[in-house]
Protein backbone atom coordinates (compact mmCIF):
# COMPACT_ATOMS: atom_id res chain seq x y z
CA MET A 1 32.37 209.09 -57.76
CA SER A 2 35.36 207.14 -56.61
CA ARG A 3 35.50 205.81 -53.11
CA ALA A 4 38.91 204.87 -51.53
CA ASN A 5 39.18 201.55 -50.00
CA GLY A 6 40.63 201.00 -46.69
CA PHE A 7 39.93 201.73 -43.01
CA SER A 8 39.04 205.05 -41.37
CA LEU A 9 40.94 206.17 -38.30
CA ILE A 10 37.87 205.65 -36.13
CA GLU A 11 37.86 201.95 -37.28
CA LEU A 12 41.60 201.50 -36.43
CA VAL A 13 41.28 203.22 -32.96
CA VAL A 14 38.26 200.91 -32.23
CA ALA A 15 40.26 197.78 -33.24
CA LEU A 16 43.32 198.89 -31.09
CA VAL A 17 41.02 199.46 -28.08
CA ILE A 18 39.50 195.98 -28.50
CA ALA A 19 43.04 194.52 -28.82
CA GLY A 20 44.10 196.29 -25.68
CA ILE A 21 41.11 195.01 -23.71
CA VAL A 22 41.84 191.40 -24.81
CA LEU A 23 45.44 191.72 -23.88
CA SER A 24 44.74 193.26 -20.49
CA VAL A 25 42.55 190.19 -19.66
CA ALA A 26 44.93 187.59 -21.21
CA LEU A 27 48.41 188.75 -19.81
CA PRO A 28 47.69 188.12 -16.09
CA ALA A 29 46.34 184.63 -16.96
CA PHE A 30 49.50 183.90 -18.95
CA GLY A 31 51.67 185.09 -16.06
CA ASN A 32 49.85 182.75 -13.68
CA TYR A 33 50.22 179.90 -16.10
CA ARG A 34 53.99 180.57 -16.63
CA ASN A 35 54.42 180.62 -12.82
CA SER A 36 52.66 177.44 -12.24
CA MET A 37 54.59 175.85 -15.03
CA ALA A 38 57.87 177.01 -13.48
CA LEU A 39 56.90 175.29 -10.15
CA LYS A 40 56.00 172.08 -11.89
CA GLN A 41 59.31 172.14 -13.63
CA ALA A 42 61.09 172.75 -10.40
CA ASN A 43 59.23 169.89 -8.74
CA ALA A 44 60.00 167.51 -11.54
CA GLN A 45 63.68 168.48 -11.69
CA VAL A 46 64.11 167.88 -7.90
CA LEU A 47 62.26 164.69 -8.00
CA GLN A 48 64.24 163.31 -10.78
CA ASP A 49 67.57 164.49 -9.32
CA VAL A 50 66.80 162.62 -6.11
CA ARG A 51 65.84 159.57 -7.87
CA ARG A 52 69.03 160.01 -10.08
CA ALA A 53 71.16 160.33 -6.93
CA ARG A 54 69.67 157.05 -5.56
CA GLN A 55 70.31 155.26 -8.78
CA LEU A 56 73.84 156.60 -9.05
CA ALA A 57 74.65 155.25 -5.56
CA ILE A 58 73.38 151.81 -6.71
CA THR A 59 75.02 151.60 -10.13
CA ARG A 60 78.34 153.20 -9.02
CA ARG A 61 78.56 151.24 -5.94
CA ALA A 62 79.62 154.37 -4.12
CA PRO A 63 77.84 156.80 -1.66
CA VAL A 64 76.13 159.76 -3.26
CA ILE A 65 75.41 162.96 -1.25
CA MET A 66 72.96 165.66 -2.20
CA THR A 67 73.58 168.85 -0.49
CA PHE A 68 71.11 171.64 -0.56
CA GLY A 69 72.28 175.24 -0.84
CA ASN A 70 75.76 176.86 -1.39
CA PRO A 71 76.77 176.89 1.45
CA PRO A 72 74.50 174.27 2.83
CA GLY A 73 71.23 175.70 4.37
CA ILE A 74 67.62 174.96 4.98
CA GLY A 75 65.70 177.86 3.44
CA ASN A 76 65.52 179.99 0.15
CA ILE A 77 67.82 177.55 -1.75
CA THR A 78 68.34 178.13 -5.30
CA SER A 79 71.01 175.38 -5.92
CA TYR A 80 72.12 172.00 -4.88
CA THR A 81 74.87 169.54 -5.62
CA ILE A 82 74.99 165.87 -6.22
CA HIS A 83 78.38 164.32 -5.20
CA VAL A 84 79.39 160.69 -6.12
CA ASP A 85 81.68 159.96 -3.24
CA GLY A 86 84.06 157.44 -4.82
CA ASN A 87 86.19 156.79 -1.75
CA ALA A 88 83.38 157.33 0.82
CA ASP A 89 85.28 159.99 2.79
CA GLY A 90 82.59 162.66 2.60
CA VAL A 91 85.09 165.04 0.90
CA VAL A 92 84.82 166.21 -2.62
CA GLN A 93 88.01 165.16 -4.50
CA SER A 94 88.94 166.19 -8.02
CA SER A 95 88.48 162.76 -9.40
CA GLU A 96 84.86 162.51 -8.17
CA VAL A 97 81.78 163.57 -10.10
CA VAL A 98 79.97 166.61 -8.64
CA THR A 99 76.91 168.07 -10.31
CA LEU A 100 75.71 171.53 -9.47
CA ARG A 101 71.98 172.03 -10.23
CA ASN A 102 70.27 175.42 -10.24
CA MET A 103 66.49 175.71 -9.56
CA PRO A 104 64.41 176.98 -12.54
CA ARG A 105 64.11 180.81 -12.59
CA GLY A 106 61.52 182.18 -10.28
CA THR A 107 61.52 179.07 -7.94
CA ARG A 108 63.44 178.02 -4.97
CA LEU A 109 63.44 175.37 -2.31
CA GLN A 110 61.65 177.46 0.35
CA LEU A 111 62.34 174.85 3.15
CA VAL A 112 64.48 171.82 3.35
CA ASN A 113 63.35 169.81 6.36
CA LEU A 114 65.63 166.74 6.27
CA THR A 115 67.55 164.63 8.87
CA PRO A 116 70.50 165.48 8.85
CA THR A 117 69.61 169.09 8.30
CA ASP A 118 70.59 169.84 4.62
CA VAL A 119 71.74 166.57 2.99
CA LEU A 120 70.47 163.39 1.42
CA PRO A 121 73.18 160.87 1.95
CA PHE A 122 72.65 157.59 -0.09
CA ASP A 123 74.69 154.37 0.53
CA ILE A 124 75.66 151.95 -2.03
CA SER A 125 72.33 150.03 -1.87
CA GLY A 126 70.31 153.27 -2.57
CA VAL A 127 68.79 153.83 0.80
CA LEU A 128 69.71 156.63 3.04
CA GLN A 129 72.75 156.13 5.24
CA PRO A 130 72.16 155.25 8.98
CA GLY A 131 71.06 158.34 10.92
CA ALA A 132 69.45 159.95 7.94
CA GLY A 133 65.76 160.04 8.23
CA GLY A 134 64.69 161.66 4.99
CA GLY A 135 62.03 164.46 5.35
CA ARG A 136 60.29 166.99 3.10
CA LEU A 137 61.30 169.63 0.45
CA ILE A 138 59.00 172.51 0.04
CA LEU A 139 59.35 174.36 -3.31
CA GLN A 140 58.04 177.85 -3.95
CA ASN A 141 57.65 180.02 -6.99
CA THR A 142 57.78 183.86 -7.03
CA PRO A 143 54.12 184.54 -6.31
CA GLY A 144 54.28 182.24 -3.30
CA ARG A 145 52.58 179.01 -4.61
CA ARG A 146 54.13 175.99 -2.80
CA ASP A 147 54.56 172.31 -3.56
CA THR A 148 55.92 169.49 -1.45
CA LEU A 149 58.22 166.39 -1.98
CA MET A 150 58.78 163.81 0.52
CA VAL A 151 61.94 161.62 0.91
CA SER A 152 61.49 158.29 2.85
CA THR A 153 64.24 156.62 4.82
CA ALA A 154 64.49 154.08 1.99
CA GLY A 155 65.59 156.95 -0.27
CA ILE A 156 62.34 157.02 -2.28
CA CYS A 157 61.11 160.56 -3.32
CA TYR A 158 57.48 161.15 -3.92
CA ARG A 159 54.67 163.67 -3.87
CA PRO A 160 52.41 163.32 -0.97
């Protein structure tokens, strides 16, 4: 009597059912992990860019203006610009450095609560220009989780 080696159809079906159960448990957890990582990435990006804008103002000895939104706005923002204003006129010239940054996929600046409304204007010493009071930036991912960054009048960005 010879017996064939291998798996029966029932054994394969049972293995597939078990794999399906494991996947149905793991996929939502992976999605939540991915969304929280996107929010952390967005938070780190904005934090680093505010610090970079401040540092650019000091090293280039020129005002730097971060403008949130395109056109500027205060909510549901997915991009912002960093403008090194070489001649301090507040207008983008072709010879000046302007960097456009997009928020990571699935994230946005849900609320920009700054004074003035939608900009962070740094002077050549790295502090916010007179009349600018800093404020807070609220980031949000697709499922609705939020994180907050604060900007002081000294131009320092931090997590509360």
